[in-house]
Structure formats: C-alpha cells, structure tokens
N, C-alpha and C. Protein backbone atom coordinates (compact mmCIF):
# COMPACT_ATOMS: atom_id res chain seq x y z
N UNK A 1 -2.66 5.91 72.81
CA UNK A 1 -4.25 5.98 72.66
C UNK A 1 -4.65 7.20 72.99
N UNK A 2 -5.15 8.30 72.58
CA UNK A 2 -5.44 9.59 73.47
C UNK A 2 -6.94 9.23 74.14
N UNK A 3 -7.22 10.17 75.29
CA UNK A 3 -8.34 9.83 76.00
C UNK A 3 -9.38 10.31 74.49
N UNK A 4 -10.37 9.15 74.79
CA UNK A 4 -11.22 9.72 74.06
C UNK A 4 -12.81 9.68 74.28
N UNK A 5 -13.10 9.01 75.33
CA UNK A 5 -14.64 8.78 75.90
C UNK A 5 -14.84 7.68 75.44
N UNK A 6 -14.71 6.65 74.74
CA UNK A 6 -14.96 5.33 74.38
C UNK A 6 -15.05 4.05 75.68
N UNK A 7 -15.48 3.49 75.79
CA UNK A 7 -15.12 2.61 76.90
C UNK A 7 -14.78 1.37 76.34
N UNK A 8 -13.55 0.99 76.06
CA UNK A 8 -13.22 0.34 75.46
C UNK A 8 -12.86 -1.11 76.33
N UNK A 9 -13.45 -2.35 75.91
CA UNK A 9 -13.13 -3.28 76.79
C UNK A 9 -13.13 -4.61 75.92
N UNK A 10 -12.58 -5.64 76.57
CA UNK A 10 -12.35 -6.98 75.82
C UNK A 10 -11.23 -8.04 77.05
N UNK A 11 -10.73 -8.73 76.23
CA UNK A 11 -9.84 -9.88 77.13
C UNK A 11 -8.71 -9.81 76.93
N UNK A 12 -7.80 -9.79 78.10
CA UNK A 12 -6.10 -10.66 77.66
C UNK A 12 -6.46 -11.71 78.41
N UNK A 13 -5.94 -12.28 77.32
CA UNK A 13 -5.83 -14.01 77.72
C UNK A 13 -6.86 -14.56 78.30
N UNK A 14 -7.59 -14.72 79.30
CA UNK A 14 -8.78 -15.31 80.03
C UNK A 14 -9.49 -14.59 80.70
N UNK A 15 -8.96 -12.92 81.13
CA UNK A 15 -9.34 -12.19 81.87
C UNK A 15 -9.80 -11.03 80.86
N UNK A 16 -11.23 -10.77 81.87
CA UNK A 16 -11.68 -9.57 80.88
C UNK A 16 -11.31 -8.16 81.48
N UNK A 17 -11.12 -7.32 80.79
CA UNK A 17 -10.69 -5.92 81.00
C UNK A 17 -10.95 -5.04 80.61
N UNK A 18 -10.73 -3.43 81.05
CA UNK A 18 -11.15 -2.25 80.40
C UNK A 18 -9.32 -2.07 80.05
N UNK A 19 -9.45 -1.79 78.43
CA UNK A 19 -8.37 -1.53 77.67
C UNK A 19 -8.07 -0.23 78.21
N UNK A 20 -6.66 0.19 78.84
CA UNK A 20 -6.40 1.32 79.03
C UNK A 20 -6.03 2.64 77.41
N UNK A 21 -4.80 1.61 77.33
CA UNK A 21 -3.89 1.76 75.85
C UNK A 21 -3.42 0.35 75.14
N UNK A 22 -3.46 0.49 73.98
CA UNK A 22 -2.97 -0.61 73.41
C UNK A 22 -1.51 -0.07 72.39
N UNK A 23 -0.73 -1.46 72.09
CA UNK A 23 0.43 -0.79 71.12
C UNK A 23 0.98 0.67 71.59
N UNK A 24 2.03 0.40 72.73
CA UNK A 24 2.44 1.26 73.54
C UNK A 24 3.59 0.55 73.72
N UNK A 25 5.19 1.32 74.19
CA UNK A 25 6.55 1.22 74.11
C UNK A 25 6.54 0.77 75.80
N UNK A 26 7.53 0.41 76.02
CA UNK A 26 7.70 -0.18 77.79
C UNK A 26 7.89 1.04 78.47
N UNK A 27 8.46 2.42 78.48
CA UNK A 27 8.20 3.23 79.09
C UNK A 27 7.19 3.80 79.35
N UNK A 28 6.18 3.78 78.52
CA UNK A 28 4.59 4.00 78.69
C UNK A 28 4.02 3.00 79.57
N UNK A 29 3.94 1.70 79.45
CA UNK A 29 3.60 0.81 79.70
C UNK A 29 3.87 0.87 81.54
N UNK A 30 5.37 1.04 81.72
CA UNK A 30 5.66 0.85 82.81
C UNK A 30 5.13 2.19 83.62
N UNK A 31 5.16 3.29 83.17
CA UNK A 31 4.32 4.49 83.58
C UNK A 31 2.87 4.24 84.11
N UNK A 32 2.18 3.71 83.24
CA UNK A 32 0.51 3.75 83.41
C UNK A 32 0.60 2.32 84.61
N UNK A 33 1.53 1.57 84.56
CA UNK A 33 1.31 0.11 85.48
C UNK A 33 1.76 0.68 86.63
N UNK A 34 2.85 1.75 87.21
CA UNK A 34 2.74 2.31 88.49
C UNK A 34 1.24 3.14 88.70
N UNK A 35 1.10 3.80 87.92
CA UNK A 35 -0.02 4.92 88.13
C UNK A 35 -1.14 4.11 88.75
N UNK A 36 -1.58 2.98 87.61
CA UNK A 36 -2.75 2.48 87.60
C UNK A 36 -2.74 1.70 89.39
N UNK A 37 -1.80 0.83 89.79
CA UNK A 37 -1.82 0.19 90.77
C UNK A 37 -1.40 1.25 91.87
N UNK A 38 -1.47 2.47 92.30
CA UNK A 38 -0.84 3.18 93.13
C UNK A 38 -2.13 3.60 93.42
N UNK A 39 -3.06 3.61 92.15
CA UNK A 39 -4.63 4.30 92.50
C UNK A 39 -5.80 2.74 92.95
N UNK A 40 -4.92 1.74 92.98
CA UNK A 40 -5.75 0.25 93.77
C UNK A 40 -6.60 -0.96 92.37
N UNK A 41 -5.92 -0.21 91.40
CA UNK A 41 -6.45 -1.00 89.60
C UNK A 41 -5.70 -2.24 90.12
N UNK A 42 -5.76 -3.42 89.70
CA UNK A 42 -5.37 -4.62 89.00
C UNK A 42 -5.03 -4.52 87.45
N UNK A 43 -3.72 -4.43 87.08
CA UNK A 43 -3.29 -3.89 85.66
C UNK A 43 -2.91 -5.48 85.31
N UNK A 44 -3.40 -5.89 83.72
CA UNK A 44 -2.90 -6.71 83.03
C UNK A 44 -2.38 -6.16 81.70
N UNK A 45 -1.03 -6.78 81.74
CA UNK A 45 -0.49 -6.42 80.72
C UNK A 45 -0.04 -7.91 79.63
N UNK A 46 -0.10 -7.33 78.35
CA UNK A 46 -0.26 -8.63 77.21
C UNK A 46 1.01 -7.86 75.91
N UNK A 47 2.09 -8.57 75.91
CA UNK A 47 3.03 -8.09 74.74
C UNK A 47 2.60 -8.66 73.62
N UNK A 48 2.15 -7.48 72.44
CA UNK A 48 1.93 -7.87 70.89
C UNK A 48 3.04 -8.63 70.26
N UNK A 49 2.49 -9.60 69.50
CA UNK A 49 3.11 -9.86 68.74
C UNK A 49 4.24 -9.15 67.76
N UNK A 50 5.35 -9.50 67.25
CA UNK A 50 6.18 -8.73 66.56
C UNK A 50 6.17 -9.39 65.32
N UNK A 51 6.30 -8.60 64.30
CA UNK A 51 6.43 -9.37 62.93
C UNK A 51 8.22 -9.87 62.73
N UNK A 52 8.93 -9.28 63.22
CA UNK A 52 10.37 -9.12 63.51
C UNK A 52 10.99 -8.95 64.48
N UNK A 53 12.29 -9.35 64.97
CA UNK A 53 12.72 -9.42 66.03
C UNK A 53 13.48 -7.91 66.14
N UNK A 54 13.31 -7.53 64.84
CA UNK A 54 13.99 -6.09 64.72
C UNK A 54 13.12 -4.83 65.24
N UNK A 55 11.64 -5.16 65.25
CA UNK A 55 10.87 -4.24 65.50
C UNK A 55 10.29 -4.12 67.13
N UNK A 56 9.96 -2.90 67.70
CA UNK A 56 10.37 -2.83 68.88
C UNK A 56 9.29 -3.50 69.60
N UNK A 57 9.38 -3.73 71.12
CA UNK A 57 8.19 -4.74 71.40
C UNK A 57 6.86 -3.76 72.06
N UNK A 58 5.77 -3.69 71.56
CA UNK A 58 4.59 -3.03 71.96
C UNK A 58 3.80 -3.88 73.01
N UNK A 59 3.42 -3.47 73.82
CA UNK A 59 2.23 -3.92 74.96
C UNK A 59 1.03 -3.59 74.95
N UNK A 60 -0.13 -3.87 75.26
CA UNK A 60 -1.59 -3.72 75.35
C UNK A 60 -1.79 -3.37 77.23
N UNK A 61 -2.26 -2.59 77.68
CA UNK A 61 -2.11 -2.59 79.34
C UNK A 61 -3.61 -2.34 79.30
N UNK A 62 -4.30 -3.04 80.38
CA UNK A 62 -5.93 -3.29 80.75
C UNK A 62 -5.98 -3.22 82.30
N UNK A 63 -7.19 -2.92 82.87
CA UNK A 63 -7.52 -3.25 84.17
C UNK A 63 -8.47 -4.13 84.53
N UNK A 64 -8.60 -4.66 85.38
CA UNK A 64 -9.84 -5.71 85.85
C UNK A 64 -11.01 -5.10 86.13
N UNK A 65 -11.03 -3.94 86.72
CA UNK A 65 -12.25 -3.52 87.06
C UNK A 65 -12.98 -3.07 85.23
N UNK A 66 -14.20 -3.40 85.22
CA UNK A 66 -14.93 -3.28 83.87
C UNK A 66 -15.40 -1.84 83.96
N UNK A 67 -15.33 -0.87 85.05
CA UNK A 67 -16.23 0.22 85.05
C UNK A 67 -15.24 1.15 85.00
N UNK A 68 -14.23 1.31 84.80
CA UNK A 68 -13.00 2.28 84.47
C UNK A 68 -13.12 2.70 83.15
N UNK A 69 -13.30 3.96 83.14
CA UNK A 69 -13.54 4.42 81.97
C UNK A 69 -11.57 5.58 82.24
N UNK A 70 -10.67 5.43 81.56
CA UNK A 70 -9.69 6.56 81.67
C UNK A 70 -10.02 7.78 81.27
N UNK A 71 -10.80 8.30 80.36
CA UNK A 71 -11.38 9.72 80.08
C UNK A 71 -12.16 10.28 81.14
N UNK A 72 -12.76 9.75 81.49
CA UNK A 72 -13.75 10.12 82.86
C UNK A 72 -13.06 10.02 84.26
N UNK A 73 -12.42 9.12 84.49
CA UNK A 73 -11.26 9.29 85.93
C UNK A 73 -10.61 10.63 86.03
N UNK A 74 -10.09 10.83 84.22
CA UNK A 74 -9.28 12.01 84.55
C UNK A 74 -9.58 13.17 83.98
N UNK A 75 -10.65 13.29 83.65
CA UNK A 75 -11.15 14.87 83.82
C UNK A 75 -12.34 14.97 84.84
N UNK A 76 -12.68 13.79 85.44
CA UNK A 76 -13.40 14.06 86.63
C UNK A 76 -12.16 14.24 87.82
N UNK A 77 -11.04 14.24 87.57
CA UNK A 77 -9.75 14.36 88.57
C UNK A 77 -9.97 13.30 89.62
N UNK A 78 -10.56 12.33 89.41
CA UNK A 78 -10.57 10.76 90.57
C UNK A 78 -9.46 10.36 90.48
N UNK A 79 -7.94 10.39 89.78
CA UNK A 79 -6.99 9.79 89.67
C UNK A 79 -5.77 10.53 90.74
N UNK A 80 -4.87 9.83 91.35
CA UNK A 80 -4.30 10.37 92.01
C UNK A 80 -3.13 10.54 91.66
N UNK A 81 -1.85 11.16 91.72
CA UNK A 81 -0.45 10.87 91.09
C UNK A 81 0.08 9.51 92.05
N UNK A 82 1.33 9.23 91.29
CA UNK A 82 2.13 7.77 91.86
C UNK A 82 2.21 7.99 93.19
N UNK A 83 2.82 9.56 93.62
CA UNK A 83 3.02 9.48 95.20
C UNK A 83 1.91 9.63 95.86
N UNK A 84 0.80 9.61 95.04
CA UNK A 84 -0.39 9.91 95.87
C UNK A 84 -0.94 11.67 96.47
N UNK A 85 0.11 12.64 96.23
CA UNK A 85 -0.25 14.05 96.58
C UNK A 85 -0.91 15.21 95.56
N UNK A 86 -1.21 14.56 94.42
CA UNK A 86 -1.67 15.23 93.56
C UNK A 86 -2.82 14.75 92.95
N UNK A 87 -3.82 15.52 92.25
CA UNK A 87 -4.61 14.86 91.47
C UNK A 87 -4.31 15.03 90.07
N UNK A 88 -4.55 13.64 89.01
CA UNK A 88 -3.73 13.71 87.71
C UNK A 88 -4.84 14.54 86.87
N UNK A 89 -4.14 15.20 86.01
CA UNK A 89 -4.96 15.94 84.86
C UNK A 89 -4.45 15.22 83.49
N UNK A 90 -4.74 15.66 82.11
CA UNK A 90 -4.85 15.14 81.13
C UNK A 90 -3.13 14.79 80.63
N UNK A 91 -2.29 16.62 80.91
CA UNK A 91 -0.78 16.31 80.73
C UNK A 91 -0.04 15.23 81.34
N UNK A 92 -0.72 15.19 82.86
CA UNK A 92 0.30 14.57 83.38
C UNK A 92 -0.20 12.72 83.03
N UNK A 93 -1.39 12.34 82.56
CA UNK A 93 -1.56 11.01 82.05
C UNK A 93 -0.80 10.91 80.84
N UNK A 94 -1.18 11.83 79.83
CA UNK A 94 -0.48 11.76 78.76
C UNK A 94 1.50 12.35 78.81
N UNK A 95 2.16 12.09 79.73
CA UNK A 95 3.50 12.18 80.53
C UNK A 95 3.80 13.22 79.71
N UNK A 96 3.43 14.92 79.61
CA UNK A 96 3.41 16.07 78.73
C UNK A 96 3.96 16.82 79.60
N UNK A 97 3.37 16.80 81.68
CA UNK A 97 4.08 17.50 82.22
C UNK A 97 3.95 16.90 83.47
N UNK A 98 4.59 17.16 84.78
CA UNK A 98 4.52 17.05 85.75
C UNK A 98 3.66 17.68 86.74
N UNK A 99 3.22 18.84 86.11
CA UNK A 99 2.14 19.95 86.79
C UNK A 99 1.23 19.37 87.03
N UNK A 100 0.63 18.97 87.66
CA UNK A 100 -0.88 19.00 87.94
C UNK A 100 -2.34 19.75 88.04
N UNK A 101 -1.82 21.24 88.05
CA UNK A 101 -2.38 22.48 88.15
C UNK A 101 -2.24 23.57 86.63
N UNK A 102 -3.03 23.93 86.10
CA UNK A 102 -4.37 23.75 86.50
C UNK A 102 -4.73 22.33 86.04
N UNK A 103 -5.96 22.33 86.17
CA UNK A 103 -6.82 21.60 85.41
C UNK A 103 -6.95 21.33 83.90
N UNK A 104 -7.41 20.28 83.60
CA UNK A 104 -6.83 20.33 82.31
C UNK A 104 -7.59 21.64 80.91
N UNK A 105 -8.29 22.60 81.82
CA UNK A 105 -8.22 23.97 81.12
C UNK A 105 -7.09 24.69 81.80
N UNK A 106 -6.66 26.00 80.73
CA UNK A 106 -5.87 26.72 81.50
C UNK A 106 -6.56 28.17 81.03
N UNK A 107 -6.74 28.68 82.16
CA UNK A 107 -7.40 29.96 82.44
C UNK A 107 -6.68 31.09 82.05
N UNK A 108 -5.51 30.83 82.20
CA UNK A 108 -4.02 32.16 82.10
C UNK A 108 -2.96 31.79 81.03
N UNK A 109 -2.35 32.45 80.46
CA UNK A 109 -1.06 32.05 79.95
C UNK A 109 -0.03 32.05 80.36
C-alpha cells in the first residue's frame, strides 16, 4: 500500500485498528512491525487467507492507535528509525533506502 493520505481503519479480529498496509509479504510485515513498535505503537497482524498452499502467505498490519495516519507521520517526519537515531522519510518507509536525508523532496541531484 502506497502512502496515500486516506485514513483507513477497521477491525482485525475484535480489535479496532488503523490499517497500515494490506496483503504484504513477510519481510515487509516484519519491517513495519519493528518500526512501529520502536515508535511506541501496538501492532496487530493478521494472516490473509490463501486460496492454495502454493500461494505465498500475505499479511495485514494495523495499529491500535486510531488517530495514527502513516502518511501524515511520514511526511511530518514524526516517526523515528528503528534504532531511534533519525527521522523516517518516504524512501525509508518504502524500504527503498536507508538514507534518511534529505526529506521527502530532493533539492539537488
């Protein structure tokens, strides 16, 4: 799920959550879980149903904080990296780069 701006919420089992991403693979799930827990959020994960055993297992990730909007938090630079030393930008969130500077815009090439 790309950072979009819409605040998506619903339920995972009996718990109300803000959805972070849906239908993601295990590596992405693990990254988001570690990042969000490092920032103090309670993370809820649900396995998606598979049509067959050959299909990869996909997951839905949510947090119990109903006011959390990932787009707002990333672009306002409110999240910290897993080690807590830098602020998360869009490329870090999308696992495209470990570089946390510059901000989501680039002033030079």
